[in-house]
Amino acid sequence: MSVITSLADLATLFKQARQKTGLSQAQLAEPLGMSRATISAIEGGRCEEIGFAKLVALLERVGLEITIAPRKGRPTIDDLRAERRRP
């Protein structure tokens, strides 16, 4: 499970998942009534406003889902070091 802490994290994970499915940006966008440019903006971290229902639909199409969990406390120095070592 990946923890998303920024729009850039989401963009990278989303793009990788889309590419893994073999769908082009246009193939992903069309059935959802979106434009290829919107998918490009999401993948480039430039789309800061998207409805929740559309985001969920996009994530489902590429095999991802949103999970909500209670926020943890501030990370320790060991947590930060471990995060830096992750690929």
N, C-alpha and C. Protein backbone atom coordinates (compact mmCIF):
# COMPACT_ATOMS: atom_id res chain seq x y z
N MET A 1 0.84 -1.17 0.00
CA MET A 1 0.00 0.00 0.00
C MET A 1 0.89 1.23 0.00
N SER A 2 0.56 2.17 -0.85
CA SER A 2 1.31 3.42 -0.93
C SER A 2 0.59 4.51 -0.16
N VAL A 3 1.34 5.33 0.52
CA VAL A 3 0.78 6.48 1.22
C VAL A 3 1.02 7.70 0.34
N ILE A 4 -0.05 8.35 -0.01
CA ILE A 4 0.01 9.53 -0.87
C ILE A 4 0.02 10.76 0.02
N THR A 5 1.06 11.55 -0.09
CA THR A 5 1.16 12.75 0.72
C THR A 5 1.17 14.03 -0.10
N SER A 6 1.13 13.88 -1.43
CA SER A 6 1.13 15.06 -2.27
C SER A 6 0.48 14.75 -3.61
N LEU A 7 0.15 15.79 -4.34
CA LEU A 7 -0.41 15.63 -5.67
C LEU A 7 0.60 14.95 -6.59
N ALA A 8 1.87 15.24 -6.41
CA ALA A 8 2.91 14.61 -7.23
C ALA A 8 2.96 13.10 -6.99
N ASP A 9 2.78 12.67 -5.73
CA ASP A 9 2.75 11.24 -5.42
C ASP A 9 1.59 10.56 -6.14
N LEU A 10 0.42 11.19 -6.07
CA LEU A 10 -0.76 10.64 -6.73
C LEU A 10 -0.55 10.57 -8.24
N ALA A 11 0.01 11.62 -8.82
CA ALA A 11 0.24 11.67 -10.26
C ALA A 11 1.15 10.53 -10.71
N THR A 12 2.21 10.31 -9.99
CA THR A 12 3.17 9.25 -10.35
C THR A 12 2.53 7.87 -10.24
N LEU A 13 1.86 7.61 -9.14
CA LEU A 13 1.23 6.31 -8.92
C LEU A 13 0.13 6.05 -9.95
N PHE A 14 -0.67 7.08 -10.24
CA PHE A 14 -1.74 6.96 -11.21
C PHE A 14 -1.20 6.66 -12.60
N LYS A 15 -0.18 7.38 -13.01
CA LYS A 15 0.40 7.17 -14.34
C LYS A 15 0.98 5.77 -14.47
N GLN A 16 1.69 5.32 -13.45
CA GLN A 16 2.26 3.96 -13.48
C GLN A 16 1.16 2.91 -13.60
N ALA A 17 0.08 3.10 -12.85
CA ALA A 17 -1.03 2.14 -12.89
C ALA A 17 -1.70 2.15 -14.25
N ARG A 18 -1.89 3.33 -14.84
CA ARG A 18 -2.51 3.41 -16.17
C ARG A 18 -1.65 2.70 -17.21
N GLN A 19 -0.35 2.95 -17.17
CA GLN A 19 0.56 2.32 -18.13
C GLN A 19 0.56 0.80 -17.96
N LYS A 20 0.46 0.35 -16.72
CA LYS A 20 0.43 -1.09 -16.46
C LYS A 20 -0.81 -1.75 -17.07
N THR A 21 -1.92 -1.02 -17.13
CA THR A 21 -3.14 -1.57 -17.73
C THR A 21 -3.06 -1.60 -19.25
N GLY A 22 -2.13 -0.84 -19.82
CA GLY A 22 -2.00 -0.78 -21.27
C GLY A 22 -2.96 0.21 -21.92
N LEU A 23 -3.67 0.99 -21.11
CA LEU A 23 -4.60 1.97 -21.65
C LEU A 23 -3.87 3.27 -21.98
N SER A 24 -4.22 3.84 -23.10
CA SER A 24 -3.70 5.18 -23.41
C SER A 24 -4.50 6.19 -22.59
N GLN A 25 -4.02 7.40 -22.55
CA GLN A 25 -4.77 8.45 -21.85
C GLN A 25 -6.16 8.61 -22.46
N ALA A 26 -6.24 8.60 -23.78
CA ALA A 26 -7.53 8.75 -24.46
C ALA A 26 -8.46 7.58 -24.17
N GLN A 27 -7.92 6.37 -24.18
CA GLN A 27 -8.74 5.18 -23.90
C GLN A 27 -9.29 5.20 -22.48
N LEU A 28 -8.55 5.74 -21.56
CA LEU A 28 -9.01 5.85 -20.18
C LEU A 28 -10.05 6.95 -20.05
N ALA A 29 -9.82 8.05 -20.70
CA ALA A 29 -10.69 9.22 -20.55
C ALA A 29 -12.06 9.05 -21.20
N GLU A 30 -12.10 8.52 -22.40
CA GLU A 30 -13.34 8.51 -23.20
C GLU A 30 -14.55 7.88 -22.50
N PRO A 31 -14.45 6.66 -21.96
CA PRO A 31 -15.64 6.07 -21.35
C PRO A 31 -16.15 6.82 -20.11
N LEU A 32 -15.30 7.65 -19.54
CA LEU A 32 -15.69 8.41 -18.36
C LEU A 32 -16.13 9.83 -18.69
N GLY A 33 -16.18 10.14 -20.01
CA GLY A 33 -16.61 11.47 -20.44
C GLY A 33 -15.59 12.55 -20.11
N MET A 34 -14.34 12.16 -20.08
CA MET A 34 -13.27 13.11 -19.79
C MET A 34 -12.41 13.29 -21.03
N SER A 35 -11.58 14.30 -21.01
CA SER A 35 -10.67 14.52 -22.13
C SER A 35 -9.31 13.90 -21.84
N ARG A 36 -8.57 13.64 -22.90
CA ARG A 36 -7.21 13.14 -22.75
C ARG A 36 -6.36 14.18 -22.03
N ALA A 37 -6.65 15.45 -22.28
CA ALA A 37 -5.90 16.53 -21.65
C ALA A 37 -6.07 16.52 -20.13
N THR A 38 -7.26 16.15 -19.67
CA THR A 38 -7.49 16.05 -18.22
C THR A 38 -6.64 14.95 -17.62
N ILE A 39 -6.57 13.81 -18.30
CA ILE A 39 -5.74 12.69 -17.81
C ILE A 39 -4.28 13.13 -17.79
N SER A 40 -3.85 13.82 -18.83
CA SER A 40 -2.48 14.32 -18.89
C SER A 40 -2.21 15.27 -17.72
N ALA A 41 -3.16 16.15 -17.43
CA ALA A 41 -2.99 17.10 -16.32
C ALA A 41 -2.91 16.37 -14.98
N ILE A 42 -3.71 15.34 -14.79
CA ILE A 42 -3.66 14.54 -13.55
C ILE A 42 -2.29 13.89 -13.43
N GLU A 43 -1.85 13.26 -14.49
CA GLU A 43 -0.55 12.58 -14.46
C GLU A 43 0.62 13.53 -14.30
N GLY A 44 0.44 14.76 -14.72
CA GLY A 44 1.50 15.75 -14.60
C GLY A 44 1.43 16.55 -13.31
N GLY A 45 0.45 16.21 -12.46
CA GLY A 45 0.29 16.91 -11.20
C GLY A 45 -0.21 18.32 -11.35
N ARG A 46 -0.88 18.60 -12.48
CA ARG A 46 -1.36 19.95 -12.75
C ARG A 46 -2.87 20.09 -12.57
N CYS A 47 -3.55 19.02 -12.24
CA CYS A 47 -5.02 19.05 -12.07
C CYS A 47 -5.33 19.01 -10.58
N GLU A 48 -5.52 20.19 -10.02
CA GLU A 48 -5.75 20.26 -8.58
C GLU A 48 -7.21 20.13 -8.20
N GLU A 49 -8.12 20.21 -9.16
CA GLU A 49 -9.54 20.11 -8.87
C GLU A 49 -10.15 19.00 -9.72
N ILE A 50 -10.63 17.96 -9.05
CA ILE A 50 -11.35 16.88 -9.73
C ILE A 50 -12.38 16.36 -8.74
N GLY A 51 -13.56 16.08 -9.23
CA GLY A 51 -14.60 15.57 -8.36
C GLY A 51 -14.25 14.20 -7.80
N PHE A 52 -14.75 13.93 -6.61
CA PHE A 52 -14.45 12.66 -5.94
C PHE A 52 -14.95 11.47 -6.76
N ALA A 53 -16.15 11.55 -7.30
CA ALA A 53 -16.70 10.44 -8.08
C ALA A 53 -15.84 10.15 -9.32
N LYS A 54 -15.37 11.19 -9.98
CA LYS A 54 -14.51 10.99 -11.15
C LYS A 54 -13.17 10.40 -10.74
N LEU A 55 -12.62 10.88 -9.64
CA LEU A 55 -11.35 10.34 -9.16
C LEU A 55 -11.49 8.85 -8.83
N VAL A 56 -12.54 8.49 -8.13
CA VAL A 56 -12.78 7.08 -7.80
C VAL A 56 -12.92 6.25 -9.07
N ALA A 57 -13.68 6.74 -10.05
CA ALA A 57 -13.87 6.01 -11.31
C ALA A 57 -12.55 5.83 -12.04
N LEU A 58 -11.74 6.86 -12.09
CA LEU A 58 -10.42 6.76 -12.75
C LEU A 58 -9.55 5.74 -12.04
N LEU A 59 -9.49 5.82 -10.73
CA LEU A 59 -8.65 4.89 -9.98
C LEU A 59 -9.11 3.44 -10.16
N GLU A 60 -10.42 3.22 -10.15
CA GLU A 60 -10.95 1.87 -10.36
C GLU A 60 -10.53 1.32 -11.71
N ARG A 61 -10.56 2.16 -12.75
CA ARG A 61 -10.21 1.71 -14.10
C ARG A 61 -8.76 1.27 -14.22
N VAL A 62 -7.90 1.81 -13.35
CA VAL A 62 -6.48 1.44 -13.42
C VAL A 62 -6.07 0.52 -12.26
N GLY A 63 -7.06 0.02 -11.53
CA GLY A 63 -6.78 -0.96 -10.48
C GLY A 63 -6.34 -0.40 -9.14
N LEU A 64 -6.71 0.85 -8.88
CA LEU A 64 -6.36 1.48 -7.60
C LEU A 64 -7.64 1.80 -6.84
N GLU A 65 -7.50 2.02 -5.54
CA GLU A 65 -8.64 2.44 -4.73
C GLU A 65 -8.16 3.40 -3.65
N ILE A 66 -9.12 4.13 -3.09
CA ILE A 66 -8.82 5.06 -2.01
C ILE A 66 -9.17 4.36 -0.70
N THR A 67 -8.28 4.46 0.26
CA THR A 67 -8.52 3.94 1.60
C THR A 67 -8.35 5.08 2.59
N ILE A 68 -9.29 5.19 3.49
CA ILE A 68 -9.25 6.23 4.50
C ILE A 68 -8.86 5.59 5.84
N ALA A 69 -7.93 6.22 6.53
CA ALA A 69 -7.47 5.70 7.82
C ALA A 69 -7.18 6.88 8.75
N PRO A 70 -7.24 6.64 10.04
CA PRO A 70 -6.90 7.72 10.96
C PRO A 70 -5.47 8.19 10.73
N ARG A 71 -5.27 9.47 10.88
CA ARG A 71 -3.94 10.05 10.71
C ARG A 71 -3.05 9.60 11.85
N LYS A 72 -1.85 9.25 11.51
CA LYS A 72 -0.86 8.88 12.51
C LYS A 72 -0.22 10.14 13.05
N GLY A 73 0.49 10.00 14.16
CA GLY A 73 1.22 11.13 14.72
C GLY A 73 2.35 11.54 13.79
N ARG A 74 3.07 12.51 14.18
CA ARG A 74 4.21 12.98 13.39
C ARG A 74 5.22 11.85 13.24
N PRO A 75 5.84 11.74 12.09
CA PRO A 75 6.83 10.66 11.90
C PRO A 75 8.07 10.89 12.74
N THR A 76 8.65 9.80 13.15
CA THR A 76 9.90 9.89 13.90
C THR A 76 11.04 9.99 12.90
N ILE A 77 12.23 10.27 13.39
CA ILE A 77 13.40 10.34 12.50
C ILE A 77 13.64 8.98 11.86
N ASP A 78 13.36 7.89 12.59
CA ASP A 78 13.51 6.55 12.01
C ASP A 78 12.50 6.33 10.88
N ASP A 79 11.27 6.83 11.05
CA ASP A 79 10.26 6.72 9.99
C ASP A 79 10.72 7.45 8.73
N LEU A 80 11.25 8.64 8.92
CA LEU A 80 11.71 9.43 7.78
C LEU A 80 12.88 8.77 7.07
N ARG A 81 13.80 8.21 7.83
CA ARG A 81 14.94 7.51 7.22
C ARG A 81 14.47 6.30 6.44
N ALA A 82 13.54 5.54 7.02
CA ALA A 82 13.01 4.35 6.34
C ALA A 82 12.30 4.74 5.04
N GLU A 83 11.59 5.84 5.08
CA GLU A 83 10.89 6.31 3.87
C GLU A 83 11.87 6.67 2.76
N ARG A 84 12.97 7.28 3.11
CA ARG A 84 14.00 7.66 2.12
C ARG A 84 14.62 6.43 1.47
N ARG A 85 14.68 5.32 2.20
CA ARG A 85 15.31 4.10 1.68
C ARG A 85 14.38 3.30 0.78
N ARG A 86 13.06 3.57 0.87
CA ARG A 86 12.11 2.83 0.03
C ARG A 86 12.31 3.18 -1.43
N PRO A 87 12.16 2.17 -2.31
CA PRO A 87 12.33 2.43 -3.75
C PRO A 87 11.24 3.28 -4.32
